[in-house]
Amino acid sequence: MLLKCGWGATLNKLFAILLIPGGRVGVALFFLISGYFQICKSTVSVKKVVGETIFYSIFLQVIALILKIGSLGSLIRSFLPIASGNWWYVSSYILLMLCSPAINEYFLKLNKKQKKIMIAFAWAFLYTLPYLFSVQYYGLERGVLFYLLGAYIRTEIDIDKIRTFKQQLMMAFTLIWIIYVPIGYVYYSGGNNSRLFSAIGDSIIFNGLIIVSCAVSLFLIFVSANPYSNKTINIIAKSTFGIYLLHDNMYRDFIWNDLLKISTKFQSPLFPIIAIGIGTMIFISCTLIDCIREWLFGATIYRLDSYRQKMSQQ
């Protein structure tokens, strides 16, 4: 969005470009985690995801009505957020999870070489080419590739061996991410006038190679980390999905353009500091909101359980 509203100083250009891979890598990590933990399961439950999505859909529409930017029709539709497509990731995730038992059964029958062929096919025909041609269900097809990669890591990769070159993996992740900066600079500075450059630069190099490499290497770094428990990290991890629903909602244009006026800040020499500050503020605010939701639901469920126990004892 920032890159479409005009360029600021060169430093701001480079900083904005450096942030671009973050969203796609984050989505890829969600699907990688799903494949890693779901591959050995024959059943699936999406009740928690659906429940949380419905809660935030209604919550956001109520806030929108209060601010007079929503409508009664939107509030009614908020009870069916999965079908509305307000959050493409949620719709894709639920469809993928419902298909996962069949995917798992087929994938687990393959040997290592066959799994690699299947992943290569998914990378070419479900991930790279659909992105190039803007296929309608690309969100789901993208999820399939990263689900398979997560499943492959779980079934074929020796995590103990990964630990022996974790530093090299971190260096590779950092280098690959930084490589995107000059590519993105050329692309967003006018290189996209060439259809060939757009196809090769954005679809294959950036989306097809850089995003996949960054997501897989970062995932391997986390998976190979020694077991560690921290209360703050656990809270953030539990709130990640809620943070996504809150900040990437159907009123995101209002938040970024009208409320925060981010496009005007892009011209400021302090833009990198402002962007980090706004991002941190949104992250903390969304985490607090999700913690309150967790507490309210936890307290309500506890009271209902206590009431059931009392009734059963009478």
C-alpha atoms as a PDB file:
ATOM      1  CA  MET A   1       0.000   0.000   0.000  1.00  0.00           C
ATOM      2  CA  LEU A   2       2.807   2.413   0.905  1.00  0.00           C
ATOM      3  CA  LEU A   3       4.617   1.727  -2.323  1.00  0.00           C
ATOM      4  CA  LYS A   4       1.531   2.613  -4.344  1.00  0.00           C
ATOM      5  CA  CYS A   5       1.051   6.019  -2.705  1.00  0.00           C
ATOM      6  CA  GLY A   6       4.409   7.413  -3.791  1.00  0.00           C
ATOM      7  CA  TRP A   7       8.025   7.019  -2.789  1.00  0.00           C
ATOM      8  CA  GLY A   8       9.655   8.893   0.035  1.00  0.00           C
ATOM      9  CA  ALA A   9      13.373   9.186   0.645  1.00  0.00           C
ATOM     10  CA  THR A  10      15.644   6.375  -0.506  1.00  0.00           C
ATOM     11  CA  LEU A  11      16.060   5.154   3.086  1.00  0.00           C
ATOM     12  CA  ASN A  12      12.281   4.897   3.441  1.00  0.00           C
ATOM     13  CA  LYS A  13      12.079   2.994   0.163  1.00  0.00           C
ATOM     14  CA  LEU A  14      14.651   0.460   1.278  1.00  0.00           C
ATOM     15  CA  PHE A  15      13.109   0.109   4.737  1.00  0.00           C
ATOM     16  CA  ALA A  16       9.617  -0.452   3.307  1.00  0.00           C
ATOM     17  CA  ILE A  17      10.948  -3.032   0.855  1.00  0.00           C
ATOM     18  CA  LEU A  18      12.743  -4.816   3.688  1.00  0.00           C
ATOM     19  CA  LEU A  19       9.376  -5.292   5.434  1.00  0.00           C
ATOM     20  CA  ILE A  20       7.483  -6.591   2.397  1.00  0.00           C
ATOM     21  CA  PRO A  21       8.378 -10.312   2.739  1.00  0.00           C
ATOM     22  CA  GLY A  22       7.138 -10.364   6.352  1.00  0.00           C
ATOM     23  CA  GLY A  23       3.455 -10.870   5.607  1.00  0.00           C
ATOM     24  CA  ARG A  24       3.921 -13.723   3.146  1.00  0.00           C
ATOM     25  CA  VAL A  25       6.542 -15.424   5.307  1.00  0.00           C
ATOM     26  CA  GLY A  26       4.175 -15.192   8.289  1.00  0.00           C
ATOM     27  CA  VAL A  27       1.352 -16.845   6.345  1.00  0.00           C
ATOM     28  CA  ALA A  28       3.736 -19.532   5.110  1.00  0.00           C
ATOM     29  CA  LEU A  29       4.808 -20.269   8.695  1.00  0.00           C
ATOM     30  CA  PHE A  30       1.177 -20.787   9.748  1.00  0.00           C
ATOM     31  CA  PHE A  31       0.715 -23.436   7.049  1.00  0.00           C
ATOM     32  CA  LEU A  32       4.132 -25.012   7.746  1.00  0.00           C
ATOM     33  CA  ILE A  33       3.205 -25.413  11.405  1.00  0.00           C
ATOM     34  CA  SER A  34      -0.128 -26.960  10.394  1.00  0.00           C
ATOM     35  CA  GLY A  35       1.543 -29.512   8.119  1.00  0.00           C
ATOM     36  CA  TYR A  36       4.213 -30.341  10.696  1.00  0.00           C
ATOM     37  CA  PHE A  37       1.757 -31.104  13.498  1.00  0.00           C
ATOM     38  CA  GLN A  38      -1.220 -32.361  11.477  1.00  0.00           C
ATOM     39  CA  ILE A  39       0.506 -34.874   9.184  1.00  0.00           C
ATOM     40  CA  CYS A  40       0.360 -37.741  11.683  1.00  0.00           C
ATOM     41  CA  LYS A  41      -3.282 -37.129  12.633  1.00  0.00           C
ATOM     42  CA  SER A  42      -6.277 -38.813  11.055  1.00  0.00           C
ATOM     43  CA  THR A  43      -8.864 -36.442  12.530  1.00  0.00           C
ATOM     44  CA  VAL A  44      -9.181 -32.684  12.495  1.00  0.00           C
ATOM     45  CA  SER A  45     -11.021 -30.055  14.531  1.00  0.00           C
ATOM     46  CA  VAL A  46     -11.513 -26.451  13.445  1.00  0.00           C
ATOM     47  CA  LYS A  47     -13.967 -25.454  16.191  1.00  0.00           C
ATOM     48  CA  LYS A  48     -11.512 -23.173  17.986  1.00  0.00           C
ATOM     49  CA  VAL A  49     -10.522 -21.340  14.795  1.00  0.00           C
ATOM     50  CA  VAL A  50     -14.149 -20.936  13.693  1.00  0.00           C
ATOM     51  CA  GLY A  51     -15.249 -19.779  17.158  1.00  0.00           C
ATOM     52  CA  GLU A  52     -12.467 -17.199  17.447  1.00  0.00           C
ATOM     53  CA  THR A  53     -13.112 -15.928  13.922  1.00  0.00           C
ATOM     54  CA  ILE A  54     -16.847 -15.493  14.567  1.00  0.00           C
ATOM     55  CA  PHE A  55     -16.120 -13.672  17.847  1.00  0.00           C
ATOM     56  CA  TYR A  56     -13.771 -11.154  16.246  1.00  0.00           C
ATOM     57  CA  SER A  57     -15.998 -10.751  13.199  1.00  0.00           C
ATOM     58  CA  ILE A  58     -18.941  -9.724  15.395  1.00  0.00           C
ATOM     59  CA  PHE A  59     -16.690  -7.665  17.701  1.00  0.00           C
ATOM     60  CA  LEU A  60     -15.230  -5.670  14.805  1.00  0.00           C
ATOM     61  CA  GLN A  61     -18.622  -5.049  13.201  1.00  0.00           C
ATOM     62  CA  VAL A  62     -20.037  -3.764  16.502  1.00  0.00           C
ATOM     63  CA  ILE A  63     -17.069  -1.378  16.830  1.00  0.00           C
ATOM     64  CA  ALA A  64     -17.601  -0.319  13.203  1.00  0.00           C
ATOM     65  CA  LEU A  65     -21.266   0.472  13.915  1.00  0.00           C
ATOM     66  CA  ILE A  66     -20.262   2.562  16.930  1.00  0.00           C
ATOM     67  CA  LEU A  67     -17.758   4.480  14.770  1.00  0.00           C
ATOM     68  CA  LYS A  68     -20.414   4.791  12.013  1.00  0.00           C
ATOM     69  CA  ILE A  69     -18.286   3.098   9.379  1.00  0.00           C
ATOM     70  CA  GLY A  70     -20.209  -0.185   9.346  1.00  0.00           C
ATOM     71  CA  SER A  71     -23.768  -1.242   8.594  1.00  0.00           C
ATOM     72  CA  LEU A  72     -26.451  -3.504  10.005  1.00  0.00           C
ATOM     73  CA  GLY A  73     -26.062  -5.785   6.993  1.00  0.00           C
ATOM     74  CA  SER A  74     -22.360  -6.179   7.723  1.00  0.00           C
ATOM     75  CA  LEU A  75     -23.185  -7.041  11.326  1.00  0.00           C
ATOM     76  CA  ILE A  76     -25.591  -9.769  10.186  1.00  0.00           C
ATOM     77  CA  ARG A  77     -22.995 -11.162   7.752  1.00  0.00           C
ATOM     78  CA  SER A  78     -20.411 -11.185  10.542  1.00  0.00           C
ATOM     79  CA  PHE A  79     -22.062 -14.332  11.933  1.00  0.00           C
ATOM     80  CA  LEU A  80     -20.810 -16.151   8.796  1.00  0.00           C
ATOM     81  CA  PRO A  81     -17.242 -14.810   8.466  1.00  0.00           C
ATOM     82  CA  ILE A  82     -15.847 -17.943   6.830  1.00  0.00           C
ATOM     83  CA  ALA A  83     -18.203 -17.699   3.858  1.00  0.00           C
ATOM     84  CA  SER A  84     -17.810 -13.926   3.571  1.00  0.00           C
ATOM     85  CA  GLY A  85     -14.115 -14.163   2.689  1.00  0.00           C
ATOM     86  CA  ASN A  86     -13.171 -11.281   4.993  1.00  0.00           C
ATOM     87  CA  TRP A  87     -10.117 -13.272   6.048  1.00  0.00           C
ATOM     88  CA  TRP A  88      -8.840 -15.277   3.091  1.00  0.00           C
ATOM     89  CA  TYR A  89      -6.353 -17.132   5.280  1.00  0.00           C
ATOM     90  CA  VAL A  90      -9.073 -18.470   7.597  1.00  0.00           C
ATOM     91  CA  SER A  91     -11.191 -19.744   4.711  1.00  0.00           C
ATOM     92  CA  SER A  92      -8.152 -21.387   3.090  1.00  0.00           C
ATOM     93  CA  TYR A  93      -6.964 -22.854   6.386  1.00  0.00           C
ATOM     94  CA  ILE A  94     -10.315 -24.439   7.231  1.00  0.00           C
ATOM     95  CA  LEU A  95     -10.699 -25.940   3.744  1.00  0.00           C
ATOM     96  CA  LEU A  96      -7.155 -27.293   3.914  1.00  0.00           C
ATOM     97  CA  MET A  97      -7.692 -28.789   7.373  1.00  0.00           C
ATOM     98  CA  LEU A  98     -10.888 -30.490   6.230  1.00  0.00           C
ATOM     99  CA  CYS A  99      -8.931 -32.005   3.332  1.00  0.00           C
ATOM    100  CA  SER A 100      -5.905 -32.877   5.486  1.00  0.00           C
ATOM    101  CA  PRO A 101      -6.918 -36.467   6.412  1.00  0.00           C
ATOM    102  CA  ALA A 102      -6.990 -37.396   2.708  1.00  0.00           C
ATOM    103  CA  ILE A 103      -3.740 -35.503   2.024  1.00  0.00           C
ATOM    104  CA  ASN A 104      -2.056 -37.190   4.995  1.00  0.00           C
ATOM    105  CA  GLU A 105      -3.138 -40.674   3.964  1.00  0.00           C
ATOM    106  CA  TYR A 106      -1.723 -40.237   0.453  1.00  0.00           C
ATOM    107  CA  PHE A 107       1.455 -38.383   1.503  1.00  0.00           C
ATOM    108  CA  LEU A 108       2.451 -40.936   4.156  1.00  0.00           C
ATOM    109  CA  LYS A 109       2.335 -43.746   1.584  1.00  0.00           C
ATOM    110  CA  LEU A 110       5.035 -42.079  -0.523  1.00  0.00           C
ATOM    111  CA  ASN A 111       8.761 -42.655  -0.196  1.00  0.00           C
ATOM    112  CA  LYS A 112      11.203 -39.765   0.203  1.00  0.00           C
ATOM    113  CA  LYS A 113      11.805 -39.291  -3.524  1.00  0.00           C
ATOM    114  CA  GLN A 114       8.090 -39.363  -4.323  1.00  0.00           C
ATOM    115  CA  LYS A 115       7.416 -36.770  -1.620  1.00  0.00           C
ATOM    116  CA  LYS A 116      10.013 -34.477  -3.193  1.00  0.00           C
ATOM    117  CA  ILE A 117       8.362 -34.877  -6.591  1.00  0.00           C
ATOM    118  CA  MET A 118       4.967 -34.088  -5.091  1.00  0.00           C
ATOM    119  CA  ILE A 119       6.342 -30.942  -3.418  1.00  0.00           C
ATOM    120  CA  ALA A 120       8.069 -29.850  -6.646  1.00  0.00           C
ATOM    121  CA  PHE A 121       4.779 -30.304  -8.513  1.00  0.00           C
ATOM    122  CA  ALA A 122       2.937 -28.268  -5.864  1.00  0.00           C
ATOM    123  CA  TRP A 123       5.601 -25.534  -6.016  1.00  0.00           C
ATOM    124  CA  ALA A 124       5.281 -25.201  -9.804  1.00  0.00           C
ATOM    125  CA  PHE A 125       1.585 -25.797 -10.455  1.00  0.00           C
ATOM    126  CA  LEU A 126      -0.130 -24.879  -7.181  1.00  0.00           C
ATOM    127  CA  TYR A 127       2.118 -22.052  -6.002  1.00  0.00           C
ATOM    128  CA  THR A 128       4.243 -20.274  -8.626  1.00  0.00           C
ATOM    129  CA  LEU A 129       2.114 -20.415 -11.789  1.00  0.00           C
ATOM    130  CA  PRO A 130      -1.212 -19.665 -10.024  1.00  0.00           C
ATOM    131  CA  TYR A 131       0.411 -16.581  -8.461  1.00  0.00           C
ATOM    132  CA  LEU A 132       1.634 -15.428 -11.866  1.00  0.00           C
ATOM    133  CA  PHE A 133      -1.850 -15.739 -13.383  1.00  0.00           C
ATOM    134  CA  SER A 134      -3.772 -14.547 -10.272  1.00  0.00           C
ATOM    135  CA  VAL A 135      -5.814 -17.734  -9.900  1.00  0.00           C
ATOM    136  CA  GLN A 136      -8.947 -17.282  -7.780  1.00  0.00           C
ATOM    137  CA  TYR A 137      -8.185 -19.949  -5.171  1.00  0.00           C
ATOM    138  CA  TYR A 138      -4.492 -19.170  -4.874  1.00  0.00           C
ATOM    139  CA  GLY A 139      -4.748 -18.781  -1.081  1.00  0.00           C
ATOM    140  CA  LEU A 140      -5.701 -22.436  -0.713  1.00  0.00           C
ATOM    141  CA  GLU A 141      -3.145 -23.620  -3.276  1.00  0.00           C
ATOM    142  CA  ARG A 142      -0.399 -21.683  -1.486  1.00  0.00           C
ATOM    143  CA  GLY A 143      -1.442 -23.382   1.748  1.00  0.00           C
ATOM    144  CA  VAL A 144      -1.113 -26.832   0.178  1.00  0.00           C
ATOM    145  CA  LEU A 145       2.554 -26.274  -0.721  1.00  0.00           C
ATOM    146  CA  PHE A 146       3.588 -25.126   2.746  1.00  0.00           C
ATOM    147  CA  TYR A 147       1.469 -27.826   4.386  1.00  0.00           C
ATOM    148  CA  LEU A 148       3.372 -30.436   2.356  1.00  0.00           C
ATOM    149  CA  LEU A 149       6.710 -28.827   3.243  1.00  0.00           C
ATOM    150  CA  GLY A 150       5.817 -28.942   6.937  1.00  0.00           C
ATOM    151  CA  ALA A 151       4.757 -32.569   6.571  1.00  0.00           C
ATOM    152  CA  TYR A 152       8.021 -33.402   4.781  1.00  0.00           C
ATOM    153  CA  ILE A 153      10.102 -31.804   7.535  1.00  0.00           C
ATOM    154  CA  ARG A 154       8.202 -33.828  10.142  1.00  0.00           C
ATOM    155  CA  THR A 155       8.564 -37.163   8.353  1.00  0.00           C
ATOM    156  CA  GLU A 156      11.911 -36.958   6.537  1.00  0.00           C
ATOM    157  CA  ILE A 157      14.185 -34.360   8.178  1.00  0.00           C
ATOM    158  CA  ASP A 158      16.476 -35.258  11.095  1.00  0.00           C
ATOM    159  CA  ILE A 159      16.112 -32.273  13.425  1.00  0.00           C
ATOM    160  CA  ASP A 160      19.211 -33.283  15.411  1.00  0.00           C
ATOM    161  CA  LYS A 161      21.302 -32.812  12.260  1.00  0.00           C
ATOM    162  CA  ILE A 162      19.709 -29.407  11.684  1.00  0.00           C
ATOM    163  CA  ARG A 163      20.924 -28.304  15.117  1.00  0.00           C
ATOM    164  CA  THR A 164      24.554 -28.831  14.057  1.00  0.00           C
ATOM    165  CA  PHE A 165      24.382 -26.051  11.442  1.00  0.00           C
ATOM    166  CA  LYS A 166      21.738 -23.770  12.934  1.00  0.00           C
ATOM    167  CA  GLN A 167      24.037 -20.725  12.769  1.00  0.00           C
ATOM    168  CA  GLN A 168      24.583 -21.255   9.044  1.00  0.00           C
ATOM    169  CA  LEU A 169      20.815 -21.553   8.656  1.00  0.00           C
ATOM    170  CA  MET A 170      20.295 -18.222  10.427  1.00  0.00           C
ATOM    171  CA  MET A 171      22.901 -16.565   8.217  1.00  0.00           C
ATOM    172  CA  ALA A 172      21.249 -18.008   5.112  1.00  0.00           C
ATOM    173  CA  PHE A 173      17.823 -16.770   6.246  1.00  0.00           C
ATOM    174  CA  THR A 174      19.161 -13.246   6.837  1.00  0.00           C
ATOM    175  CA  LEU A 175      21.054 -13.144   3.545  1.00  0.00           C
ATOM    176  CA  ILE A 176      18.107 -14.413   1.485  1.00  0.00           C
ATOM    177  CA  TRP A 177      15.785 -11.845   3.095  1.00  0.00           C
ATOM    178  CA  ILE A 178      18.227  -9.008   2.382  1.00  0.00           C
ATOM    179  CA  ILE A 179      18.681 -10.148  -1.228  1.00  0.00           C
ATOM    180  CA  TYR A 180      15.087  -9.116  -1.857  1.00  0.00           C
ATOM    181  CA  VAL A 181      15.890  -5.437  -1.186  1.00  0.00           C
ATOM    182  CA  PRO A 182      17.728  -4.705  -4.472  1.00  0.00           C
ATOM    183  CA  ILE A 183      15.247  -6.855  -6.422  1.00  0.00           C
ATOM    184  CA  GLY A 184      12.303  -5.072  -4.839  1.00  0.00           C
ATOM    185  CA  TYR A 185      13.921  -1.672  -5.351  1.00  0.00           C
ATOM    186  CA  VAL A 186      14.191  -2.253  -9.091  1.00  0.00           C
ATOM    187  CA  TYR A 187      10.708  -3.790  -9.274  1.00  0.00           C
ATOM    188  CA  TYR A 188       8.876  -1.027  -7.389  1.00  0.00           C
ATOM    189  CA  SER A 189      10.941   1.753  -8.987  1.00  0.00           C
ATOM    190  CA  GLY A 190       9.673   0.953 -12.451  1.00  0.00           C
ATOM    191  CA  GLY A 191      11.065  -2.453 -13.299  1.00  0.00           C
ATOM    192  CA  ASN A 192       7.506  -3.774 -13.286  1.00  0.00           C
ATOM    193  CA  ASN A 193       6.909  -1.941 -16.577  1.00  0.00           C
ATOM    194  CA  SER A 194       8.465  -4.993 -18.153  1.00  0.00           C
ATOM    195  CA  ARG A 195       6.114  -7.968 -18.090  1.00  0.00           C
ATOM    196  CA  LEU A 196       9.062 -10.327 -18.290  1.00  0.00           C
ATOM    197  CA  PHE A 197      10.702  -8.722 -15.251  1.00  0.00           C
ATOM    198  CA  SER A 198       7.382  -8.815 -13.403  1.00  0.00           C
ATOM    199  CA  ALA A 199       6.992 -12.517 -14.134  1.00  0.00           C
ATOM    200  CA  ILE A 200      10.557 -13.480 -13.273  1.00  0.00           C
ATOM    201  CA  GLY A 201      11.243 -10.955 -10.506  1.00  0.00           C
ATOM    202  CA  ASP A 202       7.984 -11.036  -8.549  1.00  0.00           C
ATOM    203  CA  SER A 203       6.490 -14.449  -9.313  1.00  0.00           C
ATOM    204  CA  ILE A 204       9.540 -16.699  -9.490  1.00  0.00           C
ATOM    205  CA  ILE A 205      12.428 -15.017  -7.650  1.00  0.00           C
ATOM    206  CA  PHE A 206      10.512 -13.220  -4.894  1.00  0.00           C
ATOM    207  CA  ASN A 207       7.413 -15.323  -4.320  1.00  0.00           C
ATOM    208  CA  GLY A 208       8.675 -18.641  -5.657  1.00  0.00           C
ATOM    209  CA  LEU A 209      12.190 -18.705  -4.211  1.00  0.00           C
ATOM    210  CA  ILE A 210      12.826 -16.004  -1.590  1.00  0.00           C
ATOM    211  CA  ILE A 211       9.570 -16.412   0.347  1.00  0.00           C
ATOM    212  CA  VAL A 212       9.749 -20.210   0.323  1.00  0.00           C
ATOM    213  CA  SER A 213      13.426 -20.238   1.349  1.00  0.00           C
ATOM    214  CA  CYS A 214      12.925 -17.692   4.142  1.00  0.00           C
ATOM    215  CA  ALA A 215       9.853 -19.463   5.517  1.00  0.00           C
ATOM    216  CA  VAL A 216      11.410 -22.942   5.494  1.00  0.00           C
ATOM    217  CA  SER A 217      14.751 -21.813   6.954  1.00  0.00           C
ATOM    218  CA  LEU A 218      13.048 -19.800   9.716  1.00  0.00           C
ATOM    219  CA  PHE A 219      10.756 -22.727  10.499  1.00  0.00           C
ATOM    220  CA  LEU A 220      13.733 -25.098  10.736  1.00  0.00           C
ATOM    221  CA  ILE A 221      15.471 -22.670  13.101  1.00  0.00           C
ATOM    222  CA  PHE A 222      12.487 -22.699  15.460  1.00  0.00           C
ATOM    223  CA  VAL A 223      11.861 -26.441  15.197  1.00  0.00           C
ATOM    224  CA  SER A 224      15.500 -27.224  15.956  1.00  0.00           C
ATOM    225  CA  ALA A 225      15.643 -24.875  18.950  1.00  0.00           C
ATOM    226  CA  ASN A 226      16.093 -26.471  22.356  1.00  0.00           C
ATOM    227  CA  PRO A 227      12.847 -26.818  24.360  1.00  0.00           C
ATOM    228  CA  TYR A 228      12.228 -23.587  26.233  1.00  0.00           C
ATOM    229  CA  SER A 229       9.258 -22.248  28.152  1.00  0.00           C
ATOM    230  CA  ASN A 230       8.596 -18.569  28.783  1.00  0.00           C
ATOM    231  CA  LYS A 231       5.285 -17.154  29.990  1.00  0.00           C
ATOM    232  CA  THR A 232       5.488 -14.023  27.827  1.00  0.00           C
ATOM    233  CA  ILE A 233       6.365 -16.002  24.702  1.00  0.00           C
ATOM    234  CA  ASN A 234       3.514 -18.438  25.407  1.00  0.00           C
ATOM    235  CA  ILE A 235       1.035 -15.557  25.730  1.00  0.00           C
ATOM    236  CA  ILE A 236       2.199 -14.032  22.447  1.00  0.00           C
ATOM    237  CA  ALA A 237       2.073 -17.421  20.697  1.00  0.00           C
ATOM    238  CA  LYS A 238      -1.496 -18.029  21.900  1.00  0.00           C
ATOM    239  CA  SER A 239      -2.551 -14.563  20.745  1.00  0.00           C
ATOM    240  CA  THR A 240      -0.964 -14.707  17.280  1.00  0.00           C
ATOM    241  CA  PHE A 241      -4.150 -15.767  15.490  1.00  0.00           C
ATOM    242  CA  GLY A 242      -6.209 -13.153  17.324  1.00  0.00           C
ATOM    243  CA  ILE A 243      -3.632 -10.490  16.407  1.00  0.00           C
ATOM    244  CA  TYR A 244      -3.981 -11.473  12.754  1.00  0.00           C
ATOM    245  CA  LEU A 245      -7.789 -11.269  12.874  1.00  0.00           C
ATOM    246  CA  LEU A 246      -7.701  -7.879  14.586  1.00  0.00           C
ATOM    247  CA  HIS A 247      -5.130  -6.035  12.512  1.00  0.00           C
ATOM    248  CA  ASP A 248      -5.834  -7.534   9.069  1.00  0.00           C
ATOM    249  CA  ASN A 249      -9.588  -7.064   9.177  1.00  0.00           C
ATOM    250  CA  MET A 250     -12.225  -5.798   6.745  1.00  0.00           C
ATOM    251  CA  TYR A 251     -11.650  -2.213   7.927  1.00  0.00           C
ATOM    252  CA  ARG A 252      -7.870  -2.212   7.541  1.00  0.00           C
ATOM    253  CA  ASP A 253      -8.003   0.561   4.893  1.00  0.00           C
ATOM    254  CA  PHE A 254      -9.837   2.789   7.373  1.00  0.00           C
ATOM    255  CA  ILE A 255      -7.280   2.010  10.089  1.00  0.00           C
ATOM    256  CA  TRP A 256      -4.197   2.619   7.949  1.00  0.00           C
ATOM    257  CA  ASN A 257      -5.439   5.454   5.711  1.00  0.00           C
ATOM    258  CA  ASP A 258      -7.995   7.404   7.758  1.00  0.00           C
ATOM    259  CA  LEU A 259      -7.019   6.679  11.349  1.00  0.00           C
ATOM    260  CA  LEU A 260      -3.229   6.352  11.225  1.00  0.00           C
ATOM    261  CA  LYS A 261      -2.730   8.259   7.928  1.00  0.00           C
ATOM    262  CA  ILE A 262       0.290   6.108   7.232  1.00  0.00           C
ATOM    263  CA  SER A 263       0.784   7.425   3.673  1.00  0.00           C
ATOM    264  CA  THR A 264       1.569  10.933   4.961  1.00  0.00           C
ATOM    265  CA  LYS A 265       4.142   9.532   7.379  1.00  0.00           C
ATOM    266  CA  PHE A 266       5.922   7.741   4.555  1.00  0.00           C
ATOM    267  CA  GLN A 267       7.512  11.006   3.402  1.00  0.00           C
ATOM    268  CA  SER A 268       9.001  11.706   6.832  1.00  0.00           C
ATOM    269  CA  PRO A 269      12.736  11.078   7.406  1.00  0.00           C
ATOM    270  CA  LEU A 270      11.649   9.420  10.662  1.00  0.00           C
ATOM    271  CA  PHE A 271       9.445   6.916   8.842  1.00  0.00           C
ATOM    272  CA  PRO A 272      11.417   3.795   9.933  1.00  0.00           C
ATOM    273  CA  ILE A 273      11.083   4.793  13.607  1.00  0.00           C
ATOM    274  CA  ILE A 274       7.413   5.743  13.162  1.00  0.00           C
ATOM    275  CA  ALA A 275       6.648   2.456  11.385  1.00  0.00           C
ATOM    276  CA  ILE A 276       8.312   0.384  14.107  1.00  0.00           C
ATOM    277  CA  GLY A 277       6.475   2.379  16.780  1.00  0.00           C
ATOM    278  CA  ILE A 278       3.068   1.964  15.123  1.00  0.00           C
ATOM    279  CA  GLY A 279       3.691  -1.739  14.514  1.00  0.00           C
ATOM    280  CA  THR A 280       4.693  -2.271  18.143  1.00  0.00           C
ATOM    281  CA  MET A 281       1.663  -0.320  19.380  1.00  0.00           C
ATOM    282  CA  ILE A 282      -0.728  -2.371  17.233  1.00  0.00           C
ATOM    283  CA  PHE A 283       0.923  -5.635  18.283  1.00  0.00           C
ATOM    284  CA  ILE A 284       0.683  -4.828  22.008  1.00  0.00           C
ATOM    285  CA  SER A 285      -2.903  -3.531  21.716  1.00  0.00           C
ATOM    286  CA  CYS A 286      -4.090  -6.602  19.808  1.00  0.00           C
ATOM    287  CA  THR A 287      -2.324  -8.922  22.270  1.00  0.00           C
ATOM    288  CA  LEU A 288      -4.056  -7.233  25.222  1.00  0.00           C
ATOM    289  CA  ILE A 289      -7.457  -7.471  23.515  1.00  0.00           C
ATOM    290  CA  ASP A 290      -6.941 -11.167  22.819  1.00  0.00           C
ATOM    291  CA  CYS A 291      -5.799 -11.806  26.402  1.00  0.00           C
ATOM    292  CA  ILE A 292      -8.994 -10.155  27.656  1.00  0.00           C
ATOM    293  CA  ARG A 293     -11.028 -12.348  25.290  1.00  0.00           C
ATOM    294  CA  GLU A 294      -9.229 -15.451  26.568  1.00  0.00           C
ATOM    295  CA  TRP A 295      -9.858 -14.425  30.177  1.00  0.00           C
ATOM    296  CA  LEU A 296     -13.554 -13.701  29.593  1.00  0.00           C
ATOM    297  CA  PHE A 297     -14.144 -16.977  27.765  1.00  0.00           C
ATOM    298  CA  GLY A 298     -12.097 -18.907  30.324  1.00  0.00           C
ATOM    299  CA  ALA A 299     -14.048 -17.392  33.211  1.00  0.00           C
ATOM    300  CA  THR A 300     -17.370 -18.061  31.463  1.00  0.00           C
ATOM    301  CA  ILE A 301     -16.497 -21.701  30.741  1.00  0.00           C
ATOM    302  CA  TYR A 302     -15.313 -22.153  34.342  1.00  0.00           C
ATOM    303  CA  ARG A 303     -18.611 -20.789  35.683  1.00  0.00           C
ATOM    304  CA  LEU A 304     -20.609 -23.027  33.334  1.00  0.00           C
ATOM    305  CA  ASP A 305     -18.623 -26.095  34.429  1.00  0.00           C
ATOM    306  CA  SER A 306     -19.133 -25.198  38.091  1.00  0.00           C
ATOM    307  CA  TYR A 307     -22.853 -24.766  37.475  1.00  0.00           C
ATOM    308  CA  ARG A 308     -23.082 -28.159  35.742  1.00  0.00           C
ATOM    309  CA  GLN A 309     -21.252 -29.849  38.625  1.00  0.00           C
ATOM    310  CA  LYS A 310     -23.620 -28.309  41.174  1.00  0.00           C
ATOM    311  CA  MET A 311     -26.652 -29.356  39.151  1.00  0.00           C
ATOM    312  CA  SER A 312     -25.343 -32.919  38.804  1.00  0.00           C
ATOM    313  CA  GLN A 313     -24.847 -33.174  42.580  1.00  0.00           C
ATOM    314  CA  GLN A 314     -28.444 -32.219  43.350  1.00  0.00           C
END
